[in-house]
C-alpha atoms as a PDB file:
ATOM      1  CA  MET A   1     -14.039 -11.531  30.029  1.00  0.00           C
ATOM      2  CA  LYS A   2     -12.555 -14.380  31.745  1.00  0.00           C
ATOM      3  CA  ARG A   3     -14.095 -16.927  29.020  1.00  0.00           C
ATOM      4  CA  TRP A   4     -11.942 -15.217  26.065  1.00  0.00           C
ATOM      5  CA  LYS A   5      -8.186 -15.228  28.250  1.00  0.00           C
ATOM      6  CA  PRO A   6      -7.997 -19.160  27.416  1.00  0.00           C
ATOM      7  CA  PHE A   7      -8.838 -18.484  23.713  1.00  0.00           C
ATOM      8  CA  LEU A   8      -6.515 -15.305  23.154  1.00  0.00           C
ATOM      9  CA  LEU A   9      -3.875 -17.412  24.899  1.00  0.00           C
ATOM     10  CA  VAL A  10      -3.886 -20.467  22.554  1.00  0.00           C
ATOM     11  CA  THR A  11      -4.038 -18.275  20.020  1.00  0.00           C
ATOM     12  CA  LEU A  12      -0.844 -16.235  20.840  1.00  0.00           C
ATOM     13  CA  LEU A  13       0.906 -19.325  21.228  1.00  0.00           C
ATOM     14  CA  GLY A  14      -0.260 -21.046  17.685  1.00  0.00           C
ATOM     15  CA  LEU A  15       0.993 -17.427  16.177  1.00  0.00           C
ATOM     16  CA  GLY A  16       3.986 -17.113  17.823  1.00  0.00           C
ATOM     17  CA  LEU A  17       4.636 -21.525  17.029  1.00  0.00           C
ATOM     18  CA  ALA A  18       4.216 -20.474  12.966  1.00  0.00           C
ATOM     19  CA  ALA A  19       6.362 -17.321  13.286  1.00  0.00           C
ATOM     20  CA  CYS A  20       9.192 -19.345  14.462  1.00  0.00           C
ATOM     21  CA  GLY A  21       8.768 -22.252  11.349  1.00  0.00           C
ATOM     22  CA  GLY A  22       7.993 -20.128   8.661  1.00  0.00           C
ATOM     23  CA  ASP A  23       7.878 -20.482   5.132  1.00  0.00           C
ATOM     24  CA  LYS A  24      11.819 -21.614   4.126  1.00  0.00           C
ATOM     25  CA  SER A  25      11.007 -21.754   0.751  1.00  0.00           C
ATOM     26  CA  CYS A  26      13.950 -19.547  -1.466  1.00  0.00           C
ATOM     27  CA  LYS A  27      11.856 -20.051  -4.575  1.00  0.00           C
ATOM     28  CA  ASN A  28       9.026 -18.397  -2.886  1.00  0.00           C
ATOM     29  CA  ALA A  29      10.717 -15.765  -1.510  1.00  0.00           C
ATOM     30  CA  CYS A  30      12.177 -14.867  -5.260  1.00  0.00           C
ATOM     31  CA  ASP A  31       8.603 -15.332  -6.415  1.00  0.00           C
ATOM     32  CA  LYS A  32       7.388 -12.346  -3.633  1.00  0.00           C
ATOM     33  CA  ILE A  33      10.309 -10.441  -4.310  1.00  0.00           C
ATOM     34  CA  SER A  34       9.359 -10.231  -8.474  1.00  0.00           C
ATOM     35  CA  GLY A  35       5.576  -9.993  -7.275  1.00  0.00           C
ATOM     36  CA  CYS A  36       6.365  -7.074  -5.115  1.00  0.00           C
ATOM     37  CA  GLY A  37       8.270  -5.333  -8.561  1.00  0.00           C
ATOM     38  CA  LEU A  38      11.432  -5.684  -7.301  1.00  0.00           C
ATOM     39  CA  LYS A  39      14.838  -7.656  -8.180  1.00  0.00           C
ATOM     40  CA  SER A  40      17.478 -10.012  -6.150  1.00  0.00           C
ATOM     41  CA  SER A  41      21.074 -10.395  -6.427  1.00  0.00           C
ATOM     42  CA  GLY A  42      22.491 -12.995  -4.082  1.00  0.00           C
ATOM     43  CA  LEU A  43      19.663 -14.907  -3.065  1.00  0.00           C
ATOM     44  CA  SER A  44      19.063 -18.512  -4.113  1.00  0.00           C
ATOM     45  CA  CYS A  45      16.092 -19.309  -5.866  1.00  0.00           C
ATOM     46  CA  ASP A  46      16.232 -22.632  -5.087  1.00  0.00           C
ATOM     47  CA  ALA A  47      12.430 -24.571  -3.734  1.00  0.00           C
ATOM     48  CA  SER A  48      14.728 -25.681  -0.945  1.00  0.00           C
ATOM     49  CA  CYS A  49      17.822 -23.934   0.366  1.00  0.00           C
ATOM     50  CA  GLY A  50      20.440 -23.734   2.746  1.00  0.00           C
ATOM     51  CA  SER A  51      21.487 -21.173   5.367  1.00  0.00           C
ATOM     52  CA  PRO A  52      22.060 -18.064   5.016  1.00  0.00           C
ATOM     53  CA  ASP A  53      19.677 -17.969   2.010  1.00  0.00           C
ATOM     54  CA  ASP A  54      16.908 -20.080   4.367  1.00  0.00           C
ATOM     55  CA  SER A  55      16.690 -17.114   6.893  1.00  0.00           C
ATOM     56  CA  CYS A  56      16.559 -14.867   4.440  1.00  0.00           C
ATOM     57  CA  ALA A  57      13.326 -16.533   2.467  1.00  0.00           C
ATOM     58  CA  VAL A  58      11.716 -16.782   6.227  1.00  0.00           C
ATOM     59  CA  CYS A  59      12.059 -13.371   6.601  1.00  0.00           C
ATOM     60  CA  VAL A  60      10.813 -12.340   3.096  1.00  0.00           C
ATOM     61  CA  ASN A  61       7.889 -14.632   3.168  1.00  0.00           C
ATOM     62  CA  ALA A  62       6.307 -12.796   6.258  1.00  0.00           C
ATOM     63  CA  THR A  63       7.280  -8.990   4.948  1.00  0.00           C
ATOM     64  CA  ALA A  64       5.138  -6.829   3.076  1.00  0.00           C
ATOM     65  CA  CYS A  65       7.059  -5.217  -0.118  1.00  0.00           C
ATOM     66  CA  ALA A  66       7.124  -1.896   1.060  1.00  0.00           C
ATOM     67  CA  ASP A  67       9.216  -3.611   4.311  1.00  0.00           C
ATOM     68  CA  ILE A  68      10.665  -5.649   2.405  1.00  0.00           C
ATOM     69  CA  SER A  69      12.160  -2.255  -0.013  1.00  0.00           C
ATOM     70  CA  ALA A  70      12.719  -0.448   3.587  1.00  0.00           C
ATOM     71  CA  GLY A  71      15.475  -3.207   4.095  1.00  0.00           C
ATOM     72  CA  LYS A  72      13.756  -4.847   7.068  1.00  0.00           C
ATOM     73  CA  CYS A  73      15.111  -7.947   6.075  1.00  0.00           C
ATOM     74  CA  ALA A  74      18.321  -6.652   5.731  1.00  0.00           C
ATOM     75  CA  SER A  75      19.588  -8.291   9.292  1.00  0.00           C
ATOM     76  CA  ASP A  76      18.434 -12.005   7.412  1.00  0.00           C
ATOM     77  CA  CYS A  77      19.445 -11.416   4.146  1.00  0.00           C
ATOM     78  CA  THR A  78      23.367 -10.834   4.343  1.00  0.00           C
ATOM     79  CA  LYS A  79      24.019 -11.711   0.997  1.00  0.00           C
ATOM     80  CA  ALA A  80      20.987 -10.623  -0.683  1.00  0.00           C
ATOM     81  CA  THR A  81      20.334  -7.312  -2.050  1.00  0.00           C
ATOM     82  CA  PHE A  82      16.778  -6.064  -3.284  1.00  0.00           C
ATOM     83  CA  SER A  83      16.197  -3.417  -5.779  1.00  0.00           C
ATOM     84  CA  THR A  84      13.472  -2.190  -7.734  1.00  0.00           C
ATOM     85  CA  LYS A  85      12.981  -3.559 -11.705  1.00  0.00           C
END
């Protein structure tokens, strides 16, 4: 079991660093929202967007459709609203 601890530590560290960066593309976030059967209001759909839209994009791009619908990204998407099409 001791041989797995370094591997587990490295894996968890890598996942943590990946989560810190996240996908900041608002275009990808808009595509995902559409793919989830949702529409958005107040979120830029430009490929590169600034704050606070980029924080919203990171949350949307990393969150399951059902959780987006349930409002999981509400604190990151203060200017955006999501609703069903």
